[in-house]
Amino acid sequence: MAKMRVHELAKELNIKSQDVIDTLNGTQFAVKNVQSGLEDEAQKIVRKKYTKTEAKKDAPKKEEPKKDDAKAADRPKKKASITAVFNAQYSKQGRKPNGG
């Protein structure tokens, strides 16, 4: 791997740049800003930490059917109560638009 900037690595891992900086602060690879270059070892440290947490977040969750969904499937859908909108100013009935 070639040197990579902090903000590039953060974008690749879908995390904030500050998270990368905070991760490296306690190591020999401490950086000060997002434009700093990262050595291969520093990149490995950050990737190791955040690829594990990303795998947990992206894991598919089992969804249980909700009780409300089951009830909604049994009932027919409500019909819309408004069937037409009437605007008097556009009506052909009644007075003429010129007031005549």
PDB file of N, CA and C in Angstrom:
ATOM      1  N   MET A   1       0.829  -1.176   0.000  1.00  0.00           N
ATOM      2  CA  MET A   1       0.000   0.000   0.000  1.00  0.00           C
ATOM      3  C   MET A   1       0.884   1.254   0.000  1.00  0.00           C
ATOM      4  N   ALA A   2       0.426   2.246  -0.658  1.00  0.00           N
ATOM      5  CA  ALA A   2       1.143   3.518  -0.681  1.00  0.00           C
ATOM      6  C   ALA A   2       0.617   4.403   0.455  1.00  0.00           C
ATOM      7  N   LYS A   3       1.327   5.512   0.688  1.00  0.00           N
ATOM      8  CA  LYS A   3       0.850   6.429   1.722  1.00  0.00           C
ATOM      9  C   LYS A   3      -0.528   6.949   1.341  1.00  0.00           C
ATOM     10  N   MET A   4      -1.391   7.015   2.316  1.00  0.00           N
ATOM     11  CA  MET A   4      -2.753   7.463   2.097  1.00  0.00           C
ATOM     12  C   MET A   4      -3.059   8.551   3.117  1.00  0.00           C
ATOM     13  N   ARG A   5      -3.830   9.519   2.741  1.00  0.00           N
ATOM     14  CA  ARG A   5      -4.184  10.590   3.665  1.00  0.00           C
ATOM     15  C   ARG A   5      -5.314  10.135   4.584  1.00  0.00           C
ATOM     16  N   VAL A   6      -5.413  10.790   5.735  1.00  0.00           N
ATOM     17  CA  VAL A   6      -6.406  10.422   6.746  1.00  0.00           C
ATOM     18  C   VAL A   6      -7.811  10.506   6.165  1.00  0.00           C
ATOM     19  N   HIS A   7      -8.118  11.591   5.478  1.00  0.00           N
ATOM     20  CA  HIS A   7      -9.479  11.763   4.966  1.00  0.00           C
ATOM     21  C   HIS A   7      -9.825  10.736   3.897  1.00  0.00           C
ATOM     22  N   GLU A   8      -8.845  10.277   3.134  1.00  0.00           N
ATOM     23  CA  GLU A   8      -9.097   9.248   2.125  1.00  0.00           C
ATOM     24  C   GLU A   8      -9.438   7.911   2.774  1.00  0.00           C
ATOM     25  N   LEU A   9      -8.715   7.566   3.812  1.00  0.00           N
ATOM     26  CA  LEU A   9      -8.973   6.316   4.525  1.00  0.00           C
ATOM     27  C   LEU A   9     -10.335   6.360   5.205  1.00  0.00           C
ATOM     28  N   ALA A  10     -10.662   7.497   5.800  1.00  0.00           N
ATOM     29  CA  ALA A  10     -11.956   7.639   6.469  1.00  0.00           C
ATOM     30  C   ALA A  10     -13.090   7.494   5.461  1.00  0.00           C
ATOM     31  N   LYS A  11     -12.937   8.077   4.300  1.00  0.00           N
ATOM     32  CA  LYS A  11     -13.967   7.981   3.271  1.00  0.00           C
ATOM     33  C   LYS A  11     -14.129   6.536   2.809  1.00  0.00           C
ATOM     34  N   GLU A  12     -13.017   5.843   2.656  1.00  0.00           N
ATOM     35  CA  GLU A  12     -13.055   4.450   2.224  1.00  0.00           C
ATOM     36  C   GLU A  12     -13.771   3.561   3.235  1.00  0.00           C
ATOM     37  N   LEU A  13     -13.568   3.834   4.522  1.00  0.00           N
ATOM     38  CA  LEU A  13     -14.170   3.017   5.579  1.00  0.00           C
ATOM     39  C   LEU A  13     -15.533   3.537   6.030  1.00  0.00           C
ATOM     40  N   ASN A  14     -15.996   4.627   5.436  1.00  0.00           N
ATOM     41  CA  ASN A  14     -17.282   5.251   5.797  1.00  0.00           C
ATOM     42  C   ASN A  14     -17.333   5.651   7.268  1.00  0.00           C
ATOM     43  N   ILE A  15     -16.271   6.287   7.727  1.00  0.00           N
ATOM     44  CA  ILE A  15     -16.228   6.804   9.097  1.00  0.00           C
ATOM     45  C   ILE A  15     -15.765   8.249   9.047  1.00  0.00           C
ATOM     46  N   LYS A  16     -15.817   8.921  10.176  1.00  0.00           N
ATOM     47  CA  LYS A  16     -15.371  10.307  10.256  1.00  0.00           C
ATOM     48  C   LYS A  16     -13.846  10.341  10.328  1.00  0.00           C
ATOM     49  N   SER A  17     -13.271  11.404   9.785  1.00  0.00           N
ATOM     50  CA  SER A  17     -11.815  11.576   9.820  1.00  0.00           C
ATOM     51  C   SER A  17     -11.324  11.683  11.263  1.00  0.00           C
ATOM     52  N   GLN A  18     -12.127  12.298  12.112  1.00  0.00           N
ATOM     53  CA  GLN A  18     -11.746  12.456  13.512  1.00  0.00           C
ATOM     54  C   GLN A  18     -11.614  11.098  14.190  1.00  0.00           C
ATOM     55  N   ASP A  19     -12.404  10.119  13.784  1.00  0.00           N
ATOM     56  CA  ASP A  19     -12.299   8.768  14.348  1.00  0.00           C
ATOM     57  C   ASP A  19     -10.942   8.151  14.034  1.00  0.00           C
ATOM     58  N   VAL A  20     -10.452   8.378  12.826  1.00  0.00           N
ATOM     59  CA  VAL A  20      -9.135   7.870  12.443  1.00  0.00           C
ATOM     60  C   VAL A  20      -8.057   8.543  13.290  1.00  0.00           C
ATOM     61  N   ILE A  21      -8.153   9.869  13.444  1.00  0.00           N
ATOM     62  CA  ILE A  21      -7.174  10.618  14.233  1.00  0.00           C
ATOM     63  C   ILE A  21      -7.180  10.140  15.681  1.00  0.00           C
ATOM     64  N   ASP A  22      -8.387   9.950  16.249  1.00  0.00           N
ATOM     65  CA  ASP A  22      -8.498   9.484  17.634  1.00  0.00           C
ATOM     66  C   ASP A  22      -7.913   8.086  17.804  1.00  0.00           C
ATOM     67  N   THR A  23      -8.116   7.219  16.826  1.00  0.00           N
ATOM     68  CA  THR A  23      -7.589   5.858  16.896  1.00  0.00           C
ATOM     69  C   THR A  23      -6.065   5.857  16.925  1.00  0.00           C
ATOM     70  N   LEU A  24      -5.454   6.733  16.159  1.00  0.00           N
ATOM     71  CA  LEU A  24      -3.990   6.748  16.050  1.00  0.00           C
ATOM     72  C   LEU A  24      -3.303   7.598  17.115  1.00  0.00           C
ATOM     73  N   ASN A  25      -4.054   8.367  17.909  1.00  0.00           N
ATOM     74  CA  ASN A  25      -3.440   9.247  18.904  1.00  0.00           C
ATOM     75  C   ASN A  25      -2.608   8.508  19.941  1.00  0.00           C
ATOM     76  N   GLY A  26      -3.012   7.349  20.361  1.00  0.00           N
ATOM     77  CA  GLY A  26      -2.283   6.616  21.384  1.00  0.00           C
ATOM     78  C   GLY A  26      -1.137   5.780  20.837  1.00  0.00           C
ATOM     79  N   THR A  27      -0.889   5.838  19.557  1.00  0.00           N
ATOM     80  CA  THR A  27       0.153   5.018  18.942  1.00  0.00           C
ATOM     81  C   THR A  27       1.324   5.879  18.491  1.00  0.00           C
ATOM     82  N   GLN A  28       2.326   5.230  17.932  1.00  0.00           N
ATOM     83  CA  GLN A  28       3.483   5.963  17.407  1.00  0.00           C
ATOM     84  C   GLN A  28       3.151   6.678  16.101  1.00  0.00           C
ATOM     85  N   PHE A  29       1.965   6.414  15.547  1.00  0.00           N
ATOM     86  CA  PHE A  29       1.549   7.000  14.280  1.00  0.00           C
ATOM     87  C   PHE A  29       0.593   8.175  14.473  1.00  0.00           C
ATOM     88  N   ALA A  30       0.670   8.870  15.583  1.00  0.00           N
ATOM     89  CA  ALA A  30      -0.241   9.973  15.878  1.00  0.00           C
ATOM     90  C   ALA A  30      -0.192  11.016  14.760  1.00  0.00           C
ATOM     91  N   VAL A  31      -1.363  11.489  14.352  1.00  0.00           N
ATOM     92  CA  VAL A  31      -1.470  12.504  13.313  1.00  0.00           C
ATOM     93  C   VAL A  31      -2.223  13.708  13.869  1.00  0.00           C
ATOM     94  N   LYS A  32      -2.048  14.853  13.222  1.00  0.00           N
ATOM     95  CA  LYS A  32      -2.669  16.072  13.724  1.00  0.00           C
ATOM     96  C   LYS A  32      -3.866  16.527  12.907  1.00  0.00           C
ATOM     97  N   ASN A  33      -3.869  16.270  11.607  1.00  0.00           N
ATOM     98  CA  ASN A  33      -4.992  16.736  10.796  1.00  0.00           C
ATOM     99  C   ASN A  33      -5.319  15.736   9.693  1.00  0.00           C
ATOM    100  N   VAL A  34      -6.371  16.038   8.933  1.00  0.00           N
ATOM    101  CA  VAL A  34      -6.867  15.100   7.928  1.00  0.00           C
ATOM    102  C   VAL A  34      -5.990  15.042   6.683  1.00  0.00           C
ATOM    103  N   GLN A  35      -5.086  15.988   6.521  1.00  0.00           N
ATOM    104  CA  GLN A  35      -4.197  15.989   5.364  1.00  0.00           C
ATOM    105  C   GLN A  35      -2.918  15.191   5.612  1.00  0.00           C
ATOM    106  N   SER A  36      -2.738  14.701   6.816  1.00  0.00           N
ATOM    107  CA  SER A  36      -1.531  13.948   7.142  1.00  0.00           C
ATOM    108  C   SER A  36      -1.524  12.613   6.404  1.00  0.00           C
ATOM    109  N   GLY A  37      -0.326  12.192   6.010  1.00  0.00           N
ATOM    110  CA  GLY A  37      -0.178  10.910   5.345  1.00  0.00           C
ATOM    111  C   GLY A  37      -0.047   9.789   6.359  1.00  0.00           C
ATOM    112  N   LEU A  38      -0.557   8.616   6.010  1.00  0.00           N
ATOM    113  CA  LEU A  38      -0.508   7.459   6.910  1.00  0.00           C
ATOM    114  C   LEU A  38       0.412   6.385   6.334  1.00  0.00           C
ATOM    115  N   GLU A  39       1.249   5.838   7.183  1.00  0.00           N
ATOM    116  CA  GLU A  39       2.096   4.707   6.801  1.00  0.00           C
ATOM    117  C   GLU A  39       1.229   3.453   6.680  1.00  0.00           C
ATOM    118  N   ASP A  40       1.786   2.412   6.078  1.00  0.00           N
ATOM    119  CA  ASP A  40       1.055   1.160   5.909  1.00  0.00           C
ATOM    120  C   ASP A  40       0.625   0.559   7.242  1.00  0.00           C
ATOM    121  N   GLU A  41       1.494   0.620   8.234  1.00  0.00           N
ATOM    122  CA  GLU A  41       1.174   0.045   9.545  1.00  0.00           C
ATOM    123  C   GLU A  41       0.018   0.806  10.201  1.00  0.00           C
ATOM    124  N   ALA A  42       0.001   2.122  10.054  1.00  0.00           N
ATOM    125  CA  ALA A  42      -1.082   2.926  10.623  1.00  0.00           C
ATOM    126  C   ALA A  42      -2.402   2.596   9.943  1.00  0.00           C
ATOM    127  N   GLN A  43      -2.366   2.409   8.637  1.00  0.00           N
ATOM    128  CA  GLN A  43      -3.575   2.040   7.909  1.00  0.00           C
ATOM    129  C   GLN A  43      -4.110   0.695   8.381  1.00  0.00           C
ATOM    130  N   LYS A  44      -3.196  -0.242   8.634  1.00  0.00           N
ATOM    131  CA  LYS A  44      -3.609  -1.566   9.099  1.00  0.00           C
ATOM    132  C   LYS A  44      -4.294  -1.483  10.456  1.00  0.00           C
ATOM    133  N   ILE A  45      -3.759  -0.632  11.341  1.00  0.00           N
ATOM    134  CA  ILE A  45      -4.355  -0.470  12.675  1.00  0.00           C
ATOM    135  C   ILE A  45      -5.791   0.026  12.551  1.00  0.00           C
ATOM    136  N   VAL A  46      -5.988   1.054  11.744  1.00  0.00           N
ATOM    137  CA  VAL A  46      -7.324   1.639  11.589  1.00  0.00           C
ATOM    138  C   VAL A  46      -8.267   0.662  10.901  1.00  0.00           C
ATOM    139  N   ARG A  47      -7.797   0.018   9.854  1.00  0.00           N
ATOM    140  CA  ARG A  47      -8.644  -0.953   9.142  1.00  0.00           C
ATOM    141  C   ARG A  47      -9.059  -2.103  10.055  1.00  0.00           C
ATOM    142  N   LYS A  48      -8.118  -2.576  10.865  1.00  0.00           N
ATOM    143  CA  LYS A  48      -8.408  -3.683  11.772  1.00  0.00           C
ATOM    144  C   LYS A  48      -9.506  -3.303  12.760  1.00  0.00           C
ATOM    145  N   LYS A  49      -9.419  -2.088  13.278  1.00  0.00           N
ATOM    146  CA  LYS A  49     -10.407  -1.643  14.263  1.00  0.00           C
ATOM    147  C   LYS A  49     -11.786  -1.441  13.636  1.00  0.00           C
ATOM    148  N   TYR A  50     -11.846  -0.812  12.485  1.00  0.00           N
ATOM    149  CA  TYR A  50     -13.144  -0.428  11.935  1.00  0.00           C
ATOM    150  C   TYR A  50     -13.754  -1.457  10.999  1.00  0.00           C
ATOM    151  N   THR A  51     -13.021  -2.408  10.499  1.00  0.00           N
ATOM    152  CA  THR A  51     -13.661  -3.432   9.684  1.00  0.00           C
ATOM    153  C   THR A  51     -14.417  -4.418  10.558  1.00  0.00           C
ATOM    154  N   LYS A  52     -13.970  -4.637  11.783  1.00  0.00           N
ATOM    155  CA  LYS A  52     -14.711  -5.508  12.697  1.00  0.00           C
ATOM    156  C   LYS A  52     -16.025  -4.864  13.098  1.00  0.00           C
ATOM    157  N   THR A  53     -16.014  -3.585  13.447  1.00  0.00           N
ATOM    158  CA  THR A  53     -17.242  -2.925  13.873  1.00  0.00           C
ATOM    159  C   THR A  53     -18.209  -2.761  12.715  1.00  0.00           C
ATOM    160  N   GLU A  54     -17.710  -2.546  11.492  1.00  0.00           N
ATOM    161  CA  GLU A  54     -18.578  -2.431  10.332  1.00  0.00           C
ATOM    162  C   GLU A  54     -19.274  -3.755  10.052  1.00  0.00           C
ATOM    163  N   ALA A  55     -18.570  -4.866  10.240  1.00  0.00           N
ATOM    164  CA  ALA A  55     -19.166  -6.171   9.991  1.00  0.00           C
ATOM    165  C   ALA A  55     -20.331  -6.410  10.952  1.00  0.00           C
ATOM    166  N   LYS A  56     -20.193  -5.948  12.179  1.00  0.00           N
ATOM    167  CA  LYS A  56     -21.282  -6.105  13.142  1.00  0.00           C
ATOM    168  C   LYS A  56     -22.468  -5.239  12.772  1.00  0.00           C
ATOM    169  N   LYS A  57     -22.218  -4.025  12.305  1.00  0.00           N
ATOM    170  CA  LYS A  57     -23.312  -3.117  11.946  1.00  0.00           C
ATOM    171  C   LYS A  57     -24.059  -3.617  10.722  1.00  0.00           C
ATOM    172  N   ASP A  58     -23.332  -4.180   9.741  1.00  0.00           N
ATOM    173  CA  ASP A  58     -23.931  -4.593   8.494  1.00  0.00           C
ATOM    174  C   ASP A  58     -24.558  -5.984   8.553  1.00  0.00           C
ATOM    175  N   ALA A  59     -24.409  -6.672   9.662  1.00  0.00           N
ATOM    176  CA  ALA A  59     -24.963  -8.012   9.776  1.00  0.00           C
ATOM    177  C   ALA A  59     -26.488  -7.955   9.645  1.00  0.00           C
ATOM    178  N   PRO A  60     -27.071  -8.853   8.857  1.00  0.00           N
ATOM    179  CA  PRO A  60     -28.520  -8.815   8.680  1.00  0.00           C
ATOM    180  C   PRO A  60     -29.235  -9.179   9.972  1.00  0.00           C
ATOM    181  N   LYS A  61     -30.254  -8.436  10.248  1.00  0.00           N
ATOM    182  CA  LYS A  61     -31.034  -8.666  11.464  1.00  0.00           C
ATOM    183  C   LYS A  61     -32.299  -9.436  11.104  1.00  0.00           C
ATOM    184  N   LYS A  62     -32.702 -10.306  11.987  1.00  0.00           N
ATOM    185  CA  LYS A  62     -33.934 -11.040  11.769  1.00  0.00           C
ATOM    186  C   LYS A  62     -35.090 -10.141  12.187  1.00  0.00           C
ATOM    187  N   GLU A  63     -36.002  -9.946  11.260  1.00  0.00           N
ATOM    188  CA  GLU A  63     -37.148  -9.096  11.559  1.00  0.00           C
ATOM    189  C   GLU A  63     -38.347  -9.967  11.867  1.00  0.00           C
ATOM    190  N   GLU A  64     -38.976  -9.662  12.973  1.00  0.00           N
ATOM    191  CA  GLU A  64     -40.176 -10.380  13.346  1.00  0.00           C
ATOM    192  C   GLU A  64     -41.372  -9.622  12.800  1.00  0.00           C
ATOM    193  N   PRO A  65     -42.381 -10.336  12.324  1.00  0.00           N
ATOM    194  CA  PRO A  65     -43.563  -9.627  11.826  1.00  0.00           C
ATOM    195  C   PRO A  65     -44.246  -8.891  12.979  1.00  0.00           C
ATOM    196  N   LYS A  66     -44.587  -7.664  12.723  1.00  0.00           N
ATOM    197  CA  LYS A  66     -45.241  -6.855  13.754  1.00  0.00           C
ATOM    198  C   LYS A  66     -46.706  -7.226  13.832  1.00  0.00           C
ATOM    199  N   LYS A  67     -47.265  -7.042  15.006  1.00  0.00           N
ATOM    200  CA  LYS A  67     -48.681  -7.358  15.209  1.00  0.00           C
ATOM    201  C   LYS A  67     -49.566  -6.433  14.391  1.00  0.00           C
ATOM    202  N   ASP A  68     -49.163  -5.160  14.288  1.00  0.00           N
ATOM    203  CA  ASP A  68     -49.955  -4.195  13.539  1.00  0.00           C
ATOM    204  C   ASP A  68     -49.993  -4.541  12.059  1.00  0.00           C
ATOM    205  N   ASP A  69     -48.902  -5.071  11.525  1.00  0.00           N
ATOM    206  CA  ASP A  69     -48.854  -5.445  10.116  1.00  0.00           C
ATOM    207  C   ASP A  69     -49.811  -6.598   9.826  1.00  0.00           C
ATOM    208  N   ALA A  70     -49.899  -7.530  10.748  1.00  0.00           N
ATOM    209  CA  ALA A  70     -50.788  -8.661  10.554  1.00  0.00           C
ATOM    210  C   ALA A  70     -52.246  -8.199  10.574  1.00  0.00           C
ATOM    211  N   LYS A  71     -52.563  -7.277  11.476  1.00  0.00           N
ATOM    212  CA  LYS A  71     -53.923  -6.746  11.550  1.00  0.00           C
ATOM    213  C   LYS A  71     -54.249  -5.928  10.311  1.00  0.00           C
ATOM    214  N   ALA A  72     -53.289  -5.178   9.820  1.00  0.00           N
ATOM    215  CA  ALA A  72     -53.512  -4.334   8.657  1.00  0.00           C
ATOM    216  C   ALA A  72     -53.768  -5.175   7.412  1.00  0.00           C
ATOM    217  N   ALA A  73     -53.148  -6.329   7.321  1.00  0.00           N
ATOM    218  CA  ALA A  73     -53.357  -7.190   6.170  1.00  0.00           C
ATOM    219  C   ALA A  73     -54.769  -7.761   6.156  1.00  0.00           C
ATOM    220  N   ASP A  74     -55.373  -7.933   7.324  1.00  0.00           N
ATOM    221  CA  ASP A  74     -56.724  -8.481   7.408  1.00  0.00           C
ATOM    222  C   ASP A  74     -57.778  -7.454   7.047  1.00  0.00           C
ATOM    223  N   ARG A  75     -57.524  -6.185   7.333  1.00  0.00           N
ATOM    224  CA  ARG A  75     -58.507  -5.136   7.072  1.00  0.00           C
ATOM    225  C   ARG A  75     -58.392  -4.620   5.647  1.00  0.00           C
ATOM    226  N   PRO A  76     -59.515  -4.247   5.056  1.00  0.00           N
ATOM    227  CA  PRO A  76     -59.425  -3.600   3.738  1.00  0.00           C
ATOM    228  C   PRO A  76     -58.877  -2.178   3.905  1.00  0.00           C
ATOM    229  N   LYS A  77     -58.264  -1.684   2.850  1.00  0.00           N
ATOM    230  CA  LYS A  77     -57.706  -0.337   2.911  1.00  0.00           C
ATOM    231  C   LYS A  77     -58.819   0.693   2.940  1.00  0.00           C
ATOM    232  N   LYS A  78     -58.559   1.814   3.633  1.00  0.00           N
ATOM    233  CA  LYS A  78     -59.527   2.900   3.680  1.00  0.00           C
ATOM    234  C   LYS A  78     -59.569   3.597   2.333  1.00  0.00           C
ATOM    235  N   LYS A  79     -60.761   4.007   1.969  1.00  0.00           N
ATOM    236  CA  LYS A  79     -60.904   4.774   0.743  1.00  0.00           C
ATOM    237  C   LYS A  79     -60.644   6.232   1.065  1.00  0.00           C
ATOM    238  N   ALA A  80     -60.154   6.937   0.110  1.00  0.00           N
ATOM    239  CA  ALA A  80     -59.908   8.362   0.318  1.00  0.00           C
ATOM    240  C   ALA A  80     -61.235   9.069   0.491  1.00  0.00           C
ATOM    241  N   SER A  81     -61.325   9.967   1.446  1.00  0.00           N
ATOM    242  CA  SER A  81     -62.571  10.660   1.710  1.00  0.00           C
ATOM    243  C   SER A  81     -62.780  11.831   0.759  1.00  0.00           C
ATOM    244  N   ILE A  82     -61.729  12.357   0.190  1.00  0.00           N
ATOM    245  CA  ILE A  82     -61.869  13.468  -0.746  1.00  0.00           C
ATOM    246  C   ILE A  82     -61.819  12.896  -2.154  1.00  0.00           C
ATOM    247  N   THR A  83     -62.890  13.089  -2.900  1.00  0.00           N
ATOM    248  CA  THR A  83     -62.930  12.543  -4.248  1.00  0.00           C
ATOM    249  C   THR A  83     -62.666  13.605  -5.297  1.00  0.00           C
ATOM    250  N   ALA A  84     -62.997  14.867  -4.990  1.00  0.00           N
ATOM    251  CA  ALA A  84     -62.762  15.941  -5.949  1.00  0.00           C
ATOM    252  C   ALA A  84     -62.560  17.232  -5.182  1.00  0.00           C
ATOM    253  N   VAL A  85     -61.823  18.145  -5.781  1.00  0.00           N
ATOM    254  CA  VAL A  85     -61.602  19.443  -5.173  1.00  0.00           C
ATOM    255  C   VAL A  85     -62.334  20.465  -6.022  1.00  0.00           C
ATOM    256  N   PHE A  86     -63.098  21.306  -5.361  1.00  0.00           N
ATOM    257  CA  PHE A  86     -63.886  22.298  -6.076  1.00  0.00           C
ATOM    258  C   PHE A  86     -63.363  23.677  -5.733  1.00  0.00           C
ATOM    259  N   ASN A  87     -62.929  24.402  -6.743  1.00  0.00           N
ATOM    260  CA  ASN A  87     -62.496  25.772  -6.554  1.00  0.00           C
ATOM    261  C   ASN A  87     -63.494  26.679  -7.256  1.00  0.00           C
ATOM    262  N   ALA A  88     -64.185  27.495  -6.503  1.00  0.00           N
ATOM    263  CA  ALA A  88     -65.260  28.324  -7.042  1.00  0.00           C
ATOM    264  C   ALA A  88     -64.765  29.277  -8.124  1.00  0.00           C
ATOM    265  N   GLN A  89     -63.567  29.773  -8.021  1.00  0.00           N
ATOM    266  CA  GLN A  89     -63.096  30.742  -9.007  1.00  0.00           C
ATOM    267  C   GLN A  89     -62.943  30.136 -10.396  1.00  0.00           C
ATOM    268  N   TYR A  90     -62.869  28.815 -10.484  1.00  0.00           N
ATOM    269  CA  TYR A  90     -62.717  28.165 -11.773  1.00  0.00           C
ATOM    270  C   TYR A  90     -64.017  27.521 -12.253  1.00  0.00           C
ATOM    271  N   SER A  91     -65.063  27.739 -11.538  1.00  0.00           N
ATOM    272  CA  SER A  91     -66.328  27.126 -11.862  1.00  0.00           C
ATOM    273  C   SER A  91     -66.977  27.822 -13.067  1.00  0.00           C
ATOM    274  N   LYS A  92     -67.638  27.047 -13.921  1.00  0.00           N
ATOM    275  CA  LYS A  92     -68.346  27.622 -15.059  1.00  0.00           C
ATOM    276  C   LYS A  92     -69.741  28.007 -14.648  1.00  0.00           C
ATOM    277  N   GLN A  93     -70.175  27.559 -13.512  1.00  0.00           N
ATOM    278  CA  GLN A  93     -71.496  27.885 -13.031  1.00  0.00           C
ATOM    279  C   GLN A  93     -71.437  29.194 -12.261  1.00  0.00           C
ATOM    280  N   GLY A  94     -72.529  29.838 -12.125  1.00  0.00           N
ATOM    281  CA  GLY A  94     -72.584  31.070 -11.334  1.00  0.00           C
ATOM    282  C   GLY A  94     -72.146  32.281 -12.127  1.00  0.00           C
ATOM    283  N   ARG A  95     -71.525  33.232 -11.446  1.00  0.00           N
ATOM    284  CA  ARG A  95     -71.130  34.486 -12.083  1.00  0.00           C
ATOM    285  C   ARG A  95     -69.974  34.303 -13.054  1.00  0.00           C
ATOM    286  N   LYS A  96     -69.858  35.265 -13.953  1.00  0.00           N
ATOM    287  CA  LYS A  96     -68.748  35.265 -14.875  1.00  0.00           C
ATOM    288  C   LYS A  96     -67.525  35.830 -14.182  1.00  0.00           C
ATOM    289  N   PRO A  97     -66.290  35.444 -14.597  1.00  0.00           N
ATOM    290  CA  PRO A  97     -65.092  35.924 -13.938  1.00  0.00           C
ATOM    291  C   PRO A  97     -64.900  37.442 -14.043  1.00  0.00           C
ATOM    292  N   ASN A  98     -65.518  38.107 -15.047  1.00  0.00           N
ATOM    293  CA  ASN A  98     -65.377  39.547 -15.194  1.00  0.00           C
ATOM    294  C   ASN A  98     -66.336  40.308 -14.304  1.00  0.00           C
ATOM    295  N   GLY A  99     -67.129  39.612 -13.564  1.00  0.00           N
ATOM    296  CA  GLY A  99     -68.085  40.234 -12.655  1.00  0.00           C
ATOM    297  C   GLY A  99     -69.354  40.662 -13.349  1.00  0.00           C
ATOM    298  N   GLY A 100     -69.587  40.217 -14.555  1.00  0.00           N
ATOM    299  CA  GLY A 100     -70.725  40.677 -15.332  1.00  0.00           C
ATOM    300  C   GLY A 100     -71.869  39.823 -15.333  1.00  0.00           C
TER     301      GLY A 100
END
